[in-house]
Amino acid sequence: MFFSALKIAISACVIAFASWLSNKKPDLAGFIIALPLGTMLVLLFSYAEYHDPAASIRFAKSIFVAVPMSLLFFVPFFLADKLPFGFWGIYAAGFALLVIGYFAHAFILKQF
């Protein structure tokens, strides 16, 4: 129970700090959030809780493949000026690309 509360507290502090920083220095906050802070915390917490190096390595490989796939969500936002959609259309297109990215992620992981 204590370990779960500690994980929640650390994660909440990282998110709260980035949120606070986003108003003061949005460029720095964006860079910090783009760092694999969440990944680093989750890998650490997972290994600390389960002590399974093989599972942690498999988990890290999945994340490595998933990160570029998850960026597909942002492609319609990047192209927003050229697309004839409003916010919700762009959001839906990003979600659709994210679903495609998930299947590509699953396919790639089966190869390794």
PDB file of N, CA and C in Angstrom:
ATOM      1  N   MET A   1       0.817  -1.189   0.000  1.00  0.00           N
ATOM      2  CA  MET A   1       0.000   0.000   0.000  1.00  0.00           C
ATOM      3  C   MET A   1       0.863   1.256   0.000  1.00  0.00           C
ATOM      4  N   PHE A   2       1.912   1.261   0.842  1.00  0.00           N
ATOM      5  CA  PHE A   2       2.795   2.423   0.908  1.00  0.00           C
ATOM      6  C   PHE A   2       3.474   2.658  -0.434  1.00  0.00           C
ATOM      7  N   PHE A   3       3.923   1.562  -1.075  1.00  0.00           N
ATOM      8  CA  PHE A   3       4.619   1.690  -2.358  1.00  0.00           C
ATOM      9  C   PHE A   3       3.689   2.283  -3.410  1.00  0.00           C
ATOM     10  N   SER A   4       2.447   1.862  -3.434  1.00  0.00           N
ATOM     11  CA  SER A   4       1.473   2.421  -4.382  1.00  0.00           C
ATOM     12  C   SER A   4       1.253   3.911  -4.127  1.00  0.00           C
ATOM     13  N   ALA A   5       1.143   4.294  -2.871  1.00  0.00           N
ATOM     14  CA  ALA A   5       0.962   5.706  -2.539  1.00  0.00           C
ATOM     15  C   ALA A   5       2.193   6.518  -2.936  1.00  0.00           C
ATOM     16  N   LEU A   6       3.366   5.954  -2.741  1.00  0.00           N
ATOM     17  CA  LEU A   6       4.606   6.628  -3.128  1.00  0.00           C
ATOM     18  C   LEU A   6       4.664   6.820  -4.648  1.00  0.00           C
ATOM     19  N   LYS A   7       4.280   5.795  -5.400  1.00  0.00           N
ATOM     20  CA  LYS A   7       4.263   5.898  -6.867  1.00  0.00           C
ATOM     21  C   LYS A   7       3.314   7.000  -7.316  1.00  0.00           C
ATOM     22  N   ILE A   8       2.151   7.050  -6.706  1.00  0.00           N
ATOM     23  CA  ILE A   8       1.166   8.077  -7.058  1.00  0.00           C
ATOM     24  C   ILE A   8       1.706   9.465  -6.722  1.00  0.00           C
ATOM     25  N   ALA A   9       2.310   9.614  -5.571  1.00  0.00           N
ATOM     26  CA  ALA A   9       2.823  10.921  -5.146  1.00  0.00           C
ATOM     27  C   ALA A   9       3.943  11.409  -6.070  1.00  0.00           C
ATOM     28  N   ILE A  10       4.868  10.533  -6.404  1.00  0.00           N
ATOM     29  CA  ILE A  10       5.970  10.928  -7.293  1.00  0.00           C
ATOM     30  C   ILE A  10       5.441  11.292  -8.666  1.00  0.00           C
ATOM     31  N   SER A  11       4.568  10.475  -9.206  1.00  0.00           N
ATOM     32  CA  SER A  11       4.003  10.753 -10.530  1.00  0.00           C
ATOM     33  C   SER A  11       3.222  12.059 -10.534  1.00  0.00           C
ATOM     34  N   ALA A  12       2.432  12.270  -9.515  1.00  0.00           N
ATOM     35  CA  ALA A  12       1.643  13.505  -9.423  1.00  0.00           C
ATOM     36  C   ALA A  12       2.545  14.729  -9.328  1.00  0.00           C
ATOM     37  N   CYS A  13       3.628  14.618  -8.600  1.00  0.00           N
ATOM     38  CA  CYS A  13       4.563  15.746  -8.474  1.00  0.00           C
ATOM     39  C   CYS A  13       5.202  16.088  -9.819  1.00  0.00           C
ATOM     40  N   VAL A  14       5.588  15.084 -10.582  1.00  0.00           N
ATOM     41  CA  VAL A  14       6.185  15.328 -11.898  1.00  0.00           C
ATOM     42  C   VAL A  14       5.183  16.031 -12.812  1.00  0.00           C
ATOM     43  N   ILE A  15       3.952  15.550 -12.836  1.00  0.00           N
ATOM     44  CA  ILE A  15       2.908  16.150 -13.686  1.00  0.00           C
ATOM     45  C   ILE A  15       2.584  17.565 -13.202  1.00  0.00           C
ATOM     46  N   ALA A  16       2.428  17.744 -11.901  1.00  0.00           N
ATOM     47  CA  ALA A  16       2.105  19.064 -11.356  1.00  0.00           C
ATOM     48  C   ALA A  16       3.219  20.065 -11.643  1.00  0.00           C
ATOM     49  N   PHE A  17       4.465  19.635 -11.522  1.00  0.00           N
ATOM     50  CA  PHE A  17       5.583  20.532 -11.805  1.00  0.00           C
ATOM     51  C   PHE A  17       5.573  20.963 -13.262  1.00  0.00           C
ATOM     52  N   ALA A  18       5.380  20.021 -14.175  1.00  0.00           N
ATOM     53  CA  ALA A  18       5.355  20.360 -15.596  1.00  0.00           C
ATOM     54  C   ALA A  18       4.186  21.274 -15.918  1.00  0.00           C
ATOM     55  N   SER A  19       3.054  21.049 -15.297  1.00  0.00           N
ATOM     56  CA  SER A  19       1.882  21.901 -15.504  1.00  0.00           C
ATOM     57  C   SER A  19       2.160  23.317 -15.009  1.00  0.00           C
ATOM     58  N   TRP A  20       2.746  23.439 -13.831  1.00  0.00           N
ATOM     59  CA  TRP A  20       3.090  24.744 -13.280  1.00  0.00           C
ATOM     60  C   TRP A  20       4.092  25.456 -14.187  1.00  0.00           C
ATOM     61  N   LEU A  21       5.095  24.724 -14.644  1.00  0.00           N
ATOM     62  CA  LEU A  21       6.146  25.298 -15.481  1.00  0.00           C
ATOM     63  C   LEU A  21       5.612  25.725 -16.848  1.00  0.00           C
ATOM     64  N   SER A  22       4.552  25.082 -17.316  1.00  0.00           N
ATOM     65  CA  SER A  22       4.021  25.382 -18.649  1.00  0.00           C
ATOM     66  C   SER A  22       3.541  26.822 -18.773  1.00  0.00           C
ATOM     67  N   ASN A  23       3.144  27.437 -17.676  1.00  0.00           N
ATOM     68  CA  ASN A  23       2.716  28.834 -17.713  1.00  0.00           C
ATOM     69  C   ASN A  23       3.911  29.785 -17.685  1.00  0.00           C
ATOM     70  N   LYS A  24       4.958  29.402 -16.988  1.00  0.00           N
ATOM     71  CA  LYS A  24       6.118  30.268 -16.828  1.00  0.00           C
ATOM     72  C   LYS A  24       7.109  30.134 -17.984  1.00  0.00           C
ATOM     73  N   LYS A  25       7.373  28.889 -18.377  1.00  0.00           N
ATOM     74  CA  LYS A  25       8.322  28.618 -19.453  1.00  0.00           C
ATOM     75  C   LYS A  25       7.777  27.471 -20.298  1.00  0.00           C
ATOM     76  N   PRO A  26       6.824  27.757 -21.212  1.00  0.00           N
ATOM     77  CA  PRO A  26       6.183  26.689 -21.969  1.00  0.00           C
ATOM     78  C   PRO A  26       7.139  25.865 -22.834  1.00  0.00           C
ATOM     79  N   ASP A  27       8.176  26.506 -23.370  1.00  0.00           N
ATOM     80  CA  ASP A  27       9.125  25.746 -24.183  1.00  0.00           C
ATOM     81  C   ASP A  27       9.889  24.724 -23.343  1.00  0.00           C
ATOM     82  N   LEU A  28      10.328  25.144 -22.184  1.00  0.00           N
ATOM     83  CA  LEU A  28      11.039  24.232 -21.285  1.00  0.00           C
ATOM     84  C   LEU A  28      10.100  23.134 -20.786  1.00  0.00           C
ATOM     85  N   ALA A  29       8.878  23.499 -20.429  1.00  0.00           N
ATOM     86  CA  ALA A  29       7.905  22.497 -19.960  1.00  0.00           C
ATOM     87  C   ALA A  29       7.622  21.468 -21.052  1.00  0.00           C
ATOM     88  N   GLY A  30       7.476  21.931 -22.282  1.00  0.00           N
ATOM     89  CA  GLY A  30       7.248  21.005 -23.392  1.00  0.00           C
ATOM     90  C   GLY A  30       8.413  20.050 -23.579  1.00  0.00           C
ATOM     91  N   PHE A  31       9.629  20.580 -23.460  1.00  0.00           N
ATOM     92  CA  PHE A  31      10.807  19.722 -23.588  1.00  0.00           C
ATOM     93  C   PHE A  31      10.857  18.698 -22.461  1.00  0.00           C
ATOM     94  N   ILE A  32      10.570  19.138 -21.243  1.00  0.00           N
ATOM     95  CA  ILE A  32      10.607  18.217 -20.095  1.00  0.00           C
ATOM     96  C   ILE A  32       9.567  17.114 -20.257  1.00  0.00           C
ATOM     97  N   ILE A  33       8.365  17.477 -20.682  1.00  0.00           N
ATOM     98  CA  ILE A  33       7.322  16.464 -20.863  1.00  0.00           C
ATOM     99  C   ILE A  33       7.671  15.516 -22.008  1.00  0.00           C
ATOM    100  N   ALA A  34       8.386  16.020 -23.005  1.00  0.00           N
ATOM    101  CA  ALA A  34       8.792  15.154 -24.116  1.00  0.00           C
ATOM    102  C   ALA A  34       9.867  14.151 -23.694  1.00  0.00           C
ATOM    103  N   LEU A  35      10.570  14.460 -22.610  1.00  0.00           N
ATOM    104  CA  LEU A  35      11.558  13.509 -22.100  1.00  0.00           C
ATOM    105  C   LEU A  35      10.825  12.255 -21.618  1.00  0.00           C
ATOM    106  N   PRO A  36      11.512  11.166 -21.577  1.00  0.00           N
ATOM    107  CA  PRO A  36      10.841   9.937 -21.127  1.00  0.00           C
ATOM    108  C   PRO A  36      10.737   9.834 -19.612  1.00  0.00           C
ATOM    109  N   LEU A  37      10.332  10.927 -18.959  1.00  0.00           N
ATOM    110  CA  LEU A  37      10.215  10.901 -17.495  1.00  0.00           C
ATOM    111  C   LEU A  37       9.215   9.864 -17.016  1.00  0.00           C
ATOM    112  N   GLY A  38       8.055   9.859 -17.651  1.00  0.00           N
ATOM    113  CA  GLY A  38       7.040   8.869 -17.277  1.00  0.00           C
ATOM    114  C   GLY A  38       7.555   7.453 -17.489  1.00  0.00           C
ATOM    115  N   THR A  39       8.210   7.246 -18.605  1.00  0.00           N
ATOM    116  CA  THR A  39       8.766   5.927 -18.917  1.00  0.00           C
ATOM    117  C   THR A  39       9.815   5.531 -17.893  1.00  0.00           C
ATOM    118  N   MET A  40      10.675   6.468 -17.558  1.00  0.00           N
ATOM    119  CA  MET A  40      11.716   6.168 -16.584  1.00  0.00           C
ATOM    120  C   MET A  40      11.106   5.795 -15.235  1.00  0.00           C
ATOM    121  N   LEU A  41      10.079   6.536 -14.826  1.00  0.00           N
ATOM    122  CA  LEU A  41       9.421   6.233 -13.556  1.00  0.00           C
ATOM    123  C   LEU A  41       8.722   4.874 -13.602  1.00  0.00           C
ATOM    124  N   VAL A  42       7.987   4.625 -14.682  1.00  0.00           N
ATOM    125  CA  VAL A  42       7.242   3.367 -14.771  1.00  0.00           C
ATOM    126  C   VAL A  42       8.185   2.166 -14.820  1.00  0.00           C
ATOM    127  N   LEU A  43       9.272   2.266 -15.570  1.00  0.00           N
ATOM    128  CA  LEU A  43      10.235   1.150 -15.612  1.00  0.00           C
ATOM    129  C   LEU A  43      10.837   0.910 -14.226  1.00  0.00           C
ATOM    130  N   LEU A  44      11.182   1.983 -13.558  1.00  0.00           N
ATOM    131  CA  LEU A  44      11.739   1.862 -12.212  1.00  0.00           C
ATOM    132  C   LEU A  44      10.728   1.242 -11.251  1.00  0.00           C
ATOM    133  N   PHE A  45       9.497   1.766 -11.266  1.00  0.00           N
ATOM    134  CA  PHE A  45       8.459   1.235 -10.372  1.00  0.00           C
ATOM    135  C   PHE A  45       8.155  -0.229 -10.682  1.00  0.00           C
ATOM    136  N   SER A  46       8.065  -0.559 -11.960  1.00  0.00           N
ATOM    137  CA  SER A  46       7.743  -1.931 -12.359  1.00  0.00           C
ATOM    138  C   SER A  46       8.822  -2.906 -11.890  1.00  0.00           C
ATOM    139  N   TYR A  47      10.078  -2.533 -12.137  1.00  0.00           N
ATOM    140  CA  TYR A  47      11.158  -3.421 -11.705  1.00  0.00           C
ATOM    141  C   TYR A  47      11.213  -3.519 -10.177  1.00  0.00           C
ATOM    142  N   ALA A  48      11.043  -2.395  -9.491  1.00  0.00           N
ATOM    143  CA  ALA A  48      11.085  -2.402  -8.023  1.00  0.00           C
ATOM    144  C   ALA A  48       9.979  -3.279  -7.443  1.00  0.00           C
ATOM    145  N   GLU A  49       8.848  -3.305  -8.109  1.00  0.00           N
ATOM    146  CA  GLU A  49       7.719  -4.070  -7.587  1.00  0.00           C
ATOM    147  C   GLU A  49       7.804  -5.561  -7.936  1.00  0.00           C
ATOM    148  N   TYR A  50       8.247  -5.882  -9.156  1.00  0.00           N
ATOM    149  CA  TYR A  50       8.190  -7.275  -9.624  1.00  0.00           C
ATOM    150  C   TYR A  50       9.550  -7.958  -9.729  1.00  0.00           C
ATOM    151  N   HIS A  51      10.635  -7.222  -9.744  1.00  0.00           N
ATOM    152  CA  HIS A  51      11.988  -7.781  -9.836  1.00  0.00           C
ATOM    153  C   HIS A  51      12.129  -8.775 -10.984  1.00  0.00           C
ATOM    154  N   ASP A  52      11.606  -8.408 -12.149  1.00  0.00           N
ATOM    155  CA  ASP A  52      11.660  -9.281 -13.322  1.00  0.00           C
ATOM    156  C   ASP A  52      12.384  -8.542 -14.448  1.00  0.00           C
ATOM    157  N   PRO A  53      13.709  -8.731 -14.562  1.00  0.00           N
ATOM    158  CA  PRO A  53      14.458  -7.993 -15.582  1.00  0.00           C
ATOM    159  C   PRO A  53      13.975  -8.278 -17.001  1.00  0.00           C
ATOM    160  N   ALA A  54      13.598  -9.517 -17.296  1.00  0.00           N
ATOM    161  CA  ALA A  54      13.147  -9.857 -18.645  1.00  0.00           C
ATOM    162  C   ALA A  54      11.863  -9.097 -18.990  1.00  0.00           C
ATOM    163  N   ALA A  55      10.938  -9.030 -18.058  1.00  0.00           N
ATOM    164  CA  ALA A  55       9.695  -8.299 -18.302  1.00  0.00           C
ATOM    165  C   ALA A  55       9.970  -6.805 -18.449  1.00  0.00           C
ATOM    166  N   SER A  56      10.883  -6.283 -17.653  1.00  0.00           N
ATOM    167  CA  SER A  56      11.225  -4.859 -17.741  1.00  0.00           C
ATOM    168  C   SER A  56      11.873  -4.530 -19.077  1.00  0.00           C
ATOM    169  N   ILE A  57      12.722  -5.412 -19.564  1.00  0.00           N
ATOM    170  CA  ILE A  57      13.365  -5.194 -20.859  1.00  0.00           C
ATOM    171  C   ILE A  57      12.341  -5.279 -21.979  1.00  0.00           C
ATOM    172  N   ARG A  58      11.448  -6.244 -21.918  1.00  0.00           N
ATOM    173  CA  ARG A  58      10.380  -6.355 -22.918  1.00  0.00           C
ATOM    174  C   ARG A  58       9.496  -5.105 -22.890  1.00  0.00           C
ATOM    175  N   PHE A  59       9.194  -4.642 -21.711  1.00  0.00           N
ATOM    176  CA  PHE A  59       8.408  -3.429 -21.513  1.00  0.00           C
ATOM    177  C   PHE A  59       9.112  -2.233 -22.168  1.00  0.00           C
ATOM    178  N   ALA A  60      10.428  -2.093 -21.927  1.00  0.00           N
ATOM    179  CA  ALA A  60      11.194  -0.986 -22.509  1.00  0.00           C
ATOM    180  C   ALA A  60      11.218  -1.072 -24.034  1.00  0.00           C
ATOM    181  N   LYS A  61      11.347  -2.283 -24.574  1.00  0.00           N
ATOM    182  CA  LYS A  61      11.321  -2.447 -26.038  1.00  0.00           C
ATOM    183  C   LYS A  61       9.972  -2.020 -26.597  1.00  0.00           C
ATOM    184  N   SER A  62       8.906  -2.379 -25.910  1.00  0.00           N
ATOM    185  CA  SER A  62       7.573  -1.985 -26.352  1.00  0.00           C
ATOM    186  C   SER A  62       7.434  -0.469 -26.367  1.00  0.00           C
ATOM    187  N   ILE A  63       7.948   0.171 -25.341  1.00  0.00           N
ATOM    188  CA  ILE A  63       7.890   1.631 -25.268  1.00  0.00           C
ATOM    189  C   ILE A  63       8.705   2.247 -26.394  1.00  0.00           C
ATOM    190  N   PHE A  64       9.884   1.696 -26.652  1.00  0.00           N
ATOM    191  CA  PHE A  64      10.758   2.211 -27.713  1.00  0.00           C
ATOM    192  C   PHE A  64      10.040   2.203 -29.062  1.00  0.00           C
ATOM    193  N   VAL A  65       9.321   1.136 -29.334  1.00  0.00           N
ATOM    194  CA  VAL A  65       8.575   1.041 -30.594  1.00  0.00           C
ATOM    195  C   VAL A  65       7.329   1.925 -30.547  1.00  0.00           C
ATOM    196  N   ALA A  66       6.697   2.025 -29.395  1.00  0.00           N
ATOM    197  CA  ALA A  66       5.437   2.766 -29.274  1.00  0.00           C
ATOM    198  C   ALA A  66       5.610   4.279 -29.371  1.00  0.00           C
ATOM    199  N   VAL A  67       6.741   4.804 -28.935  1.00  0.00           N
ATOM    200  CA  VAL A  67       6.906   6.263 -28.925  1.00  0.00           C
ATOM    201  C   VAL A  67       6.727   6.862 -30.321  1.00  0.00           C
ATOM    202  N   PRO A  68       7.437   6.380 -31.343  1.00  0.00           N
ATOM    203  CA  PRO A  68       7.204   6.976 -32.664  1.00  0.00           C
ATOM    204  C   PRO A  68       5.783   6.736 -33.170  1.00  0.00           C
ATOM    205  N   MET A  69       5.206   5.598 -32.822  1.00  0.00           N
ATOM    206  CA  MET A  69       3.836   5.314 -33.251  1.00  0.00           C
ATOM    207  C   MET A  69       2.851   6.273 -32.584  1.00  0.00           C
ATOM    208  N   SER A  70       3.110   6.610 -31.339  1.00  0.00           N
ATOM    209  CA  SER A  70       2.195   7.514 -30.635  1.00  0.00           C
ATOM    210  C   SER A  70       2.256   8.934 -31.196  1.00  0.00           C
ATOM    211  N   LEU A  71       3.350   9.277 -31.828  1.00  0.00           N
ATOM    212  CA  LEU A  71       3.466  10.605 -32.440  1.00  0.00           C
ATOM    213  C   LEU A  71       2.533  10.770 -33.637  1.00  0.00           C
ATOM    214  N   LEU A  72       2.033   9.659 -34.165  1.00  0.00           N
ATOM    215  CA  LEU A  72       1.074   9.743 -35.269  1.00  0.00           C
ATOM    216  C   LEU A  72      -0.152  10.571 -34.876  1.00  0.00           C
ATOM    217  N   PHE A  73      -0.502  10.544 -33.599  1.00  0.00           N
ATOM    218  CA  PHE A  73      -1.652  11.323 -33.135  1.00  0.00           C
ATOM    219  C   PHE A  73      -1.495  12.808 -33.471  1.00  0.00           C
ATOM    220  N   PHE A  74      -0.279  13.308 -33.439  1.00  0.00           N
ATOM    221  CA  PHE A  74      -0.032  14.730 -33.624  1.00  0.00           C
ATOM    222  C   PHE A  74       0.079  15.161 -35.093  1.00  0.00           C
ATOM    223  N   VAL A  75       0.170  14.217 -36.012  1.00  0.00           N
ATOM    224  CA  VAL A  75       0.323  14.560 -37.431  1.00  0.00           C
ATOM    225  C   VAL A  75      -0.807  15.468 -37.921  1.00  0.00           C
ATOM    226  N   PRO A  76      -2.078  15.148 -37.682  1.00  0.00           N
ATOM    227  CA  PRO A  76      -3.133  16.061 -38.141  1.00  0.00           C
ATOM    228  C   PRO A  76      -3.050  17.454 -37.507  1.00  0.00           C
ATOM    229  N   PHE A  77      -2.595  17.543 -36.272  1.00  0.00           N
ATOM    230  CA  PHE A  77      -2.435  18.849 -35.631  1.00  0.00           C
ATOM    231  C   PHE A  77      -1.324  19.646 -36.311  1.00  0.00           C
ATOM    232  N   PHE A  78      -0.258  18.935 -36.674  1.00  0.00           N
ATOM    233  CA  PHE A  78       0.847  19.578 -37.365  1.00  0.00           C
ATOM    234  C   PHE A  78       0.408  20.106 -38.727  1.00  0.00           C
ATOM    235  N   LEU A  79      -0.505  19.382 -39.365  1.00  0.00           N
ATOM    236  CA  LEU A  79      -0.999  19.754 -40.691  1.00  0.00           C
ATOM    237  C   LEU A  79      -2.322  20.509 -40.637  1.00  0.00           C
ATOM    238  N   ALA A  80      -2.709  21.001 -39.493  1.00  0.00           N
ATOM    239  CA  ALA A  80      -4.024  21.625 -39.290  1.00  0.00           C
ATOM    240  C   ALA A  80      -4.313  22.744 -40.279  1.00  0.00           C
ATOM    241  N   ASP A  81      -3.313  23.527 -40.634  1.00  0.00           N
ATOM    242  CA  ASP A  81      -3.528  24.638 -41.565  1.00  0.00           C
ATOM    243  C   ASP A  81      -3.871  24.158 -42.968  1.00  0.00           C
ATOM    244  N   LYS A  82      -3.527  22.928 -43.282  1.00  0.00           N
ATOM    245  CA  LYS A  82      -3.759  22.386 -44.618  1.00  0.00           C
ATOM    246  C   LYS A  82      -4.966  21.446 -44.679  1.00  0.00           C
ATOM    247  N   LEU A  83      -5.545  21.140 -43.520  1.00  0.00           N
ATOM    248  CA  LEU A  83      -6.685  20.226 -43.470  1.00  0.00           C
ATOM    249  C   LEU A  83      -7.989  21.004 -43.299  1.00  0.00           C
ATOM    250  N   PRO A  84      -9.055  20.527 -43.953  1.00  0.00           N
ATOM    251  CA  PRO A  84     -10.334  21.244 -43.870  1.00  0.00           C
ATOM    252  C   PRO A  84     -11.193  20.826 -42.674  1.00  0.00           C
ATOM    253  N   PHE A  85     -10.560  20.491 -41.566  1.00  0.00           N
ATOM    254  CA  PHE A  85     -11.288  20.027 -40.385  1.00  0.00           C
ATOM    255  C   PHE A  85     -11.172  21.054 -39.276  1.00  0.00           C
ATOM    256  N   GLY A  86     -12.144  21.049 -38.388  1.00  0.00           N
ATOM    257  CA  GLY A  86     -12.037  21.807 -37.149  1.00  0.00           C
ATOM    258  C   GLY A  86     -11.277  20.974 -36.136  1.00  0.00           C
ATOM    259  N   PHE A  87     -11.276  21.450 -34.901  1.00  0.00           N
ATOM    260  CA  PHE A  87     -10.545  20.747 -33.849  1.00  0.00           C
ATOM    261  C   PHE A  87     -10.976  19.291 -33.715  1.00  0.00           C
ATOM    262  N   TRP A  88     -12.286  19.029 -33.659  1.00  0.00           N
ATOM    263  CA  TRP A  88     -12.754  17.662 -33.420  1.00  0.00           C
ATOM    264  C   TRP A  88     -12.440  16.741 -34.581  1.00  0.00           C
ATOM    265  N   GLY A  89     -12.454  17.257 -35.802  1.00  0.00           N
ATOM    266  CA  GLY A  89     -12.065  16.444 -36.958  1.00  0.00           C
ATOM    267  C   GLY A  89     -10.591  16.096 -36.917  1.00  0.00           C
ATOM    268  N   ILE A  90      -9.779  17.072 -36.549  1.00  0.00           N
ATOM    269  CA  ILE A  90      -8.339  16.832 -36.428  1.00  0.00           C
ATOM    270  C   ILE A  90      -8.062  15.847 -35.298  1.00  0.00           C
ATOM    271  N   TYR A  91      -8.776  16.020 -34.186  1.00  0.00           N
ATOM    272  CA  TYR A  91      -8.614  15.113 -33.048  1.00  0.00           C
ATOM    273  C   TYR A  91      -8.990  13.685 -33.442  1.00  0.00           C
ATOM    274  N   ALA A  92     -10.115  13.528 -34.156  1.00  0.00           N
ATOM    275  CA  ALA A  92     -10.566  12.203 -34.599  1.00  0.00           C
ATOM    276  C   ALA A  92      -9.564  11.587 -35.569  1.00  0.00           C
ATOM    277  N   ALA A  93      -9.027  12.406 -36.474  1.00  0.00           N
ATOM    278  CA  ALA A  93      -8.019  11.895 -37.408  1.00  0.00           C
ATOM    279  C   ALA A  93      -6.774  11.435 -36.649  1.00  0.00           C
ATOM    280  N   GLY A  94      -6.375  12.207 -35.652  1.00  0.00           N
ATOM    281  CA  GLY A  94      -5.229  11.810 -34.835  1.00  0.00           C
ATOM    282  C   GLY A  94      -5.499  10.514 -34.095  1.00  0.00           C
ATOM    283  N   PHE A  95      -6.699  10.369 -33.578  1.00  0.00           N
ATOM    284  CA  PHE A  95      -7.060   9.130 -32.886  1.00  0.00           C
ATOM    285  C   PHE A  95      -7.038   7.942 -33.839  1.00  0.00           C
ATOM    286  N   ALA A  96      -7.564   8.147 -35.061  1.00  0.00           N
ATOM    287  CA  ALA A  96      -7.550   7.069 -36.064  1.00  0.00           C
ATOM    288  C   ALA A  96      -6.112   6.669 -36.405  1.00  0.00           C
ATOM    289  N   LEU A  97      -5.239   7.636 -36.551  1.00  0.00           N
ATOM    290  CA  LEU A  97      -3.835   7.320 -36.815  1.00  0.00           C
ATOM    291  C   LEU A  97      -3.195   6.604 -35.635  1.00  0.00           C
ATOM    292  N   LEU A  98      -3.613   6.951 -34.443  1.00  0.00           N
ATOM    293  CA  LEU A  98      -3.102   6.289 -33.245  1.00  0.00           C
ATOM    294  C   LEU A  98      -3.515   4.814 -33.216  1.00  0.00           C
ATOM    295  N   VAL A  99      -4.736   4.525 -33.631  1.00  0.00           N
ATOM    296  CA  VAL A  99      -5.193   3.130 -33.705  1.00  0.00           C
ATOM    297  C   VAL A  99      -4.357   2.366 -34.721  1.00  0.00           C
ATOM    298  N   ILE A 100      -4.110   2.968 -35.870  1.00  0.00           N
ATOM    299  CA  ILE A 100      -3.256   2.336 -36.887  1.00  0.00           C
ATOM    300  C   ILE A 100      -1.852   2.114 -36.309  1.00  0.00           C
ATOM    301  N   GLY A 101      -1.353   3.112 -35.571  1.00  0.00           N
ATOM    302  CA  GLY A 101      -0.044   2.984 -34.939  1.00  0.00           C
ATOM    303  C   GLY A 101       0.018   1.833 -33.954  1.00  0.00           C
ATOM    304  N   TYR A 102      -1.070   1.599 -33.228  1.00  0.00           N
ATOM    305  CA  TYR A 102      -1.097   0.482 -32.283  1.00  0.00           C
ATOM    306  C   TYR A 102      -0.919  -0.850 -33.012  1.00  0.00           C
ATOM    307  N   PHE A 103      -1.609  -1.029 -34.122  1.00  0.00           N
ATOM    308  CA  PHE A 103      -1.488  -2.282 -34.867  1.00  0.00           C
ATOM    309  C   PHE A 103      -0.096  -2.428 -35.482  1.00  0.00           C
ATOM    310  N   ALA A 104       0.484  -1.326 -35.928  1.00  0.00           N
ATOM    311  CA  ALA A 104       1.865  -1.368 -36.426  1.00  0.00           C
ATOM    312  C   ALA A 104       2.818  -1.736 -35.287  1.00  0.00           C
ATOM    313  N   HIS A 105       2.593  -1.182 -34.110  1.00  0.00           N
ATOM    314  CA  HIS A 105       3.390  -1.490 -32.923  1.00  0.00           C
ATOM    315  C   HIS A 105       3.324  -2.987 -32.611  1.00  0.00           C
ATOM    316  N   ALA A 106       2.123  -3.544 -32.605  1.00  0.00           N
ATOM    317  CA  ALA A 106       1.955  -4.979 -32.311  1.00  0.00           C
ATOM    318  C   ALA A 106       2.670  -5.827 -33.358  1.00  0.00           C
ATOM    319  N   PHE A 107       2.576  -5.429 -34.626  1.00  0.00           N
ATOM    320  CA  PHE A 107       3.237  -6.170 -35.697  1.00  0.00           C
ATOM    321  C   PHE A 107       4.760  -6.132 -35.521  1.00  0.00           C
ATOM    322  N   ILE A 108       5.303  -4.967 -35.250  1.00  0.00           N
ATOM    323  CA  ILE A 108       6.755  -4.821 -35.095  1.00  0.00           C
ATOM    324  C   ILE A 108       7.246  -5.646 -33.906  1.00  0.00           C
ATOM    325  N   LEU A 109       6.532  -5.615 -32.801  1.00  0.00           N
ATOM    326  CA  LEU A 109       6.972  -6.378 -31.620  1.00  0.00           C
ATOM    327  C   LEU A 109       6.955  -7.877 -31.864  1.00  0.00           C
ATOM    328  N   LYS A 110       6.058  -8.346 -32.715  1.00  0.00           N
ATOM    329  CA  LYS A 110       6.036  -9.775 -33.028  1.00  0.00           C
ATOM    330  C   LYS A 110       7.302 -10.205 -33.791  1.00  0.00           C
ATOM    331  N   GLN A 111       7.925  -9.234 -34.459  1.00  0.00           N
ATOM    332  CA  GLN A 111       9.135  -9.534 -35.230  1.00  0.00           C
ATOM    333  C   GLN A 111      10.362  -9.672 -34.330  1.00  0.00           C
ATOM    334  N   PHE A 112      10.275  -9.134 -33.114  1.00  0.00           N
ATOM    335  CA  PHE A 112      11.409  -9.161 -32.191  1.00  0.00           C
ATOM    336  C   PHE A 112      11.061  -9.995 -31.000  1.00  0.00           C
TER     337      PHE A 112
END
